[in-house]
Amino acid sequence: MVFALLLALYLVYKIAVVVLVLLVTLLFSIIISAPVDYLGHRGVGRGWGTLAVFGGSPSCSGSSGWRWPPWWRTRRASWQRPSRCSPR
């Protein structure tokens, strides 16, 4: 009886992971379908529209005001070598 209960709990855990992956995939496909449909109405094929949306996503997130956290700027500055053209 204990083995059956442990096996059932294990299977529920594994099924929960699969269901979560399927739900995230479904959500992502719903989010991406609107821009791809818009491009499809403009004469762009679905494959090229999907590539354009996937390619444009990082550029949109980069230009939307997202910046490195402040601690990254100070750390990055310490990695840079001093310039040879700097005044002495």
C-alpha atoms as a PDB file:
ATOM      1  CA  MET A   1       0.000   0.000   0.000  1.00  0.00           C
ATOM      2  CA  VAL A   2       2.826   2.397   0.863  1.00  0.00           C
ATOM      3  CA  PHE A   3       4.596   1.561  -2.397  1.00  0.00           C
ATOM      4  CA  ALA A   4       1.439   2.312  -4.390  1.00  0.00           C
ATOM      5  CA  LEU A   5       1.006   5.643  -2.607  1.00  0.00           C
ATOM      6  CA  LEU A   6       4.637   6.619  -3.235  1.00  0.00           C
ATOM      7  CA  LEU A   7       4.354   5.567  -6.878  1.00  0.00           C
ATOM      8  CA  ALA A   8       1.167   7.625  -7.277  1.00  0.00           C
ATOM      9  CA  LEU A   9       2.835  10.688  -5.726  1.00  0.00           C
ATOM     10  CA  TYR A  10       5.846  10.259  -8.009  1.00  0.00           C
ATOM     11  CA  LEU A  11       3.613  10.030 -11.085  1.00  0.00           C
ATOM     12  CA  VAL A  12       1.632  13.105 -10.025  1.00  0.00           C
ATOM     13  CA  TYR A  13       4.924  14.991  -9.651  1.00  0.00           C
ATOM     14  CA  LYS A  14       6.098  13.916 -13.113  1.00  0.00           C
ATOM     15  CA  ILE A  15       2.733  14.730 -14.687  1.00  0.00           C
ATOM     16  CA  ALA A  16       2.757  18.171 -13.024  1.00  0.00           C
ATOM     17  CA  VAL A  17       6.075  18.988 -14.687  1.00  0.00           C
ATOM     18  CA  VAL A  18       4.767  17.902 -18.088  1.00  0.00           C
ATOM     19  CA  VAL A  19       1.545  19.878 -17.633  1.00  0.00           C
ATOM     20  CA  LEU A  20       3.515  22.965 -16.604  1.00  0.00           C
ATOM     21  CA  VAL A  21       5.676  22.723 -19.725  1.00  0.00           C
ATOM     22  CA  LEU A  22       2.582  22.334 -21.897  1.00  0.00           C
ATOM     23  CA  LEU A  23       0.875  25.325 -20.268  1.00  0.00           C
ATOM     24  CA  VAL A  24       3.930  27.551 -20.731  1.00  0.00           C
ATOM     25  CA  THR A  25       4.149  26.457 -24.363  1.00  0.00           C
ATOM     26  CA  LEU A  26       0.468  27.204 -24.878  1.00  0.00           C
ATOM     27  CA  LEU A  27       0.828  30.633 -23.279  1.00  0.00           C
ATOM     28  CA  PHE A  28       3.865  31.439 -25.404  1.00  0.00           C
ATOM     29  CA  SER A  29       2.111  30.370 -28.597  1.00  0.00           C
ATOM     30  CA  ILE A  30      -0.915  32.528 -27.746  1.00  0.00           C
ATOM     31  CA  ILE A  31       1.308  35.542 -27.062  1.00  0.00           C
ATOM     32  CA  ILE A  32       3.278  35.147 -30.276  1.00  0.00           C
ATOM     33  CA  SER A  33       0.281  34.425 -32.532  1.00  0.00           C
ATOM     34  CA  ALA A  34      -1.004  38.026 -32.650  1.00  0.00           C
ATOM     35  CA  PRO A  35       2.154  39.602 -34.145  1.00  0.00           C
ATOM     36  CA  VAL A  36       2.577  36.669 -36.534  1.00  0.00           C
ATOM     37  CA  ASP A  37      -1.052  37.012 -37.676  1.00  0.00           C
ATOM     38  CA  TYR A  38      -0.556  40.750 -38.165  1.00  0.00           C
ATOM     39  CA  LEU A  39       2.484  40.102 -40.329  1.00  0.00           C
ATOM     40  CA  GLY A  40       0.515  37.442 -42.196  1.00  0.00           C
ATOM     41  CA  HIS A  41      -2.168  39.999 -43.078  1.00  0.00           C
ATOM     42  CA  ARG A  42       0.582  42.297 -44.339  1.00  0.00           C
ATOM     43  CA  GLY A  43       1.743  39.626 -46.803  1.00  0.00           C
ATOM     44  CA  VAL A  44       4.536  37.987 -44.828  1.00  0.00           C
ATOM     45  CA  GLY A  45       4.400  34.189 -44.587  1.00  0.00           C
ATOM     46  CA  ARG A  46       3.918  32.503 -41.215  1.00  0.00           C
ATOM     47  CA  GLY A  47       7.428  31.098 -41.137  1.00  0.00           C
ATOM     48  CA  TRP A  48       9.064  34.430 -41.927  1.00  0.00           C
ATOM     49  CA  GLY A  49       6.683  36.186 -39.550  1.00  0.00           C
ATOM     50  CA  THR A  50       7.646  33.829 -36.742  1.00  0.00           C
ATOM     51  CA  LEU A  51      11.330  34.405 -37.468  1.00  0.00           C
ATOM     52  CA  ALA A  52      10.762  38.164 -37.482  1.00  0.00           C
ATOM     53  CA  VAL A  53       8.927  38.062 -34.145  1.00  0.00           C
ATOM     54  CA  PHE A  54      11.570  35.856 -32.549  1.00  0.00           C
ATOM     55  CA  GLY A  55      14.348  38.048 -33.958  1.00  0.00           C
ATOM     56  CA  GLY A  56      12.624  41.270 -32.940  1.00  0.00           C
ATOM     57  CA  SER A  57      11.875  40.215 -29.377  1.00  0.00           C
ATOM     58  CA  PRO A  58      15.402  40.749 -27.998  1.00  0.00           C
ATOM     59  CA  SER A  59      15.758  44.094 -29.756  1.00  0.00           C
ATOM     60  CA  CYS A  60      12.438  45.305 -28.338  1.00  0.00           C
ATOM     61  CA  SER A  61      13.365  44.292 -24.817  1.00  0.00           C
ATOM     62  CA  GLY A  62      16.749  45.965 -25.195  1.00  0.00           C
ATOM     63  CA  SER A  63      15.286  49.239 -26.396  1.00  0.00           C
ATOM     64  CA  SER A  64      12.441  49.395 -23.899  1.00  0.00           C
ATOM     65  CA  GLY A  65      14.516  50.936 -21.142  1.00  0.00           C
ATOM     66  CA  TRP A  66      15.937  47.762 -19.636  1.00  0.00           C
ATOM     67  CA  ARG A  67      19.404  48.423 -18.301  1.00  0.00           C
ATOM     68  CA  TRP A  68      22.078  46.560 -16.430  1.00  0.00           C
ATOM     69  CA  PRO A  69      21.755  46.775 -12.656  1.00  0.00           C
ATOM     70  CA  PRO A  70      23.952  49.420 -10.999  1.00  0.00           C
ATOM     71  CA  TRP A  71      26.345  46.890  -9.467  1.00  0.00           C
ATOM     72  CA  TRP A  72      27.155  45.582 -12.968  1.00  0.00           C
ATOM     73  CA  ARG A  73      28.416  48.977 -14.151  1.00  0.00           C
ATOM     74  CA  THR A  74      30.971  49.235 -11.353  1.00  0.00           C
ATOM     75  CA  ARG A  75      32.115  45.665 -11.827  1.00  0.00           C
ATOM     76  CA  ARG A  76      32.410  46.121 -15.600  1.00  0.00           C
ATOM     77  CA  ALA A  77      34.445  49.318 -15.115  1.00  0.00           C
ATOM     78  CA  SER A  78      36.971  47.417 -13.005  1.00  0.00           C
ATOM     79  CA  TRP A  79      37.530  44.954 -15.880  1.00  0.00           C
ATOM     80  CA  GLN A  80      38.515  47.636 -18.365  1.00  0.00           C
ATOM     81  CA  ARG A  81      42.148  48.411 -18.946  1.00  0.00           C
ATOM     82  CA  PRO A  82      43.338  52.003 -18.732  1.00  0.00           C
ATOM     83  CA  SER A  83      43.603  53.702 -22.080  1.00  0.00           C
ATOM     84  CA  ARG A  84      47.048  54.410 -23.521  1.00  0.00           C
ATOM     85  CA  CYS A  85      45.832  57.782 -24.762  1.00  0.00           C
ATOM     86  CA  SER A  86      44.750  59.011 -21.355  1.00  0.00           C
ATOM     87  CA  PRO A  87      46.478  62.137 -20.055  1.00  0.00           C
ATOM     88  CA  ARG A  88      49.103  61.587 -17.388  1.00  0.00           C
END
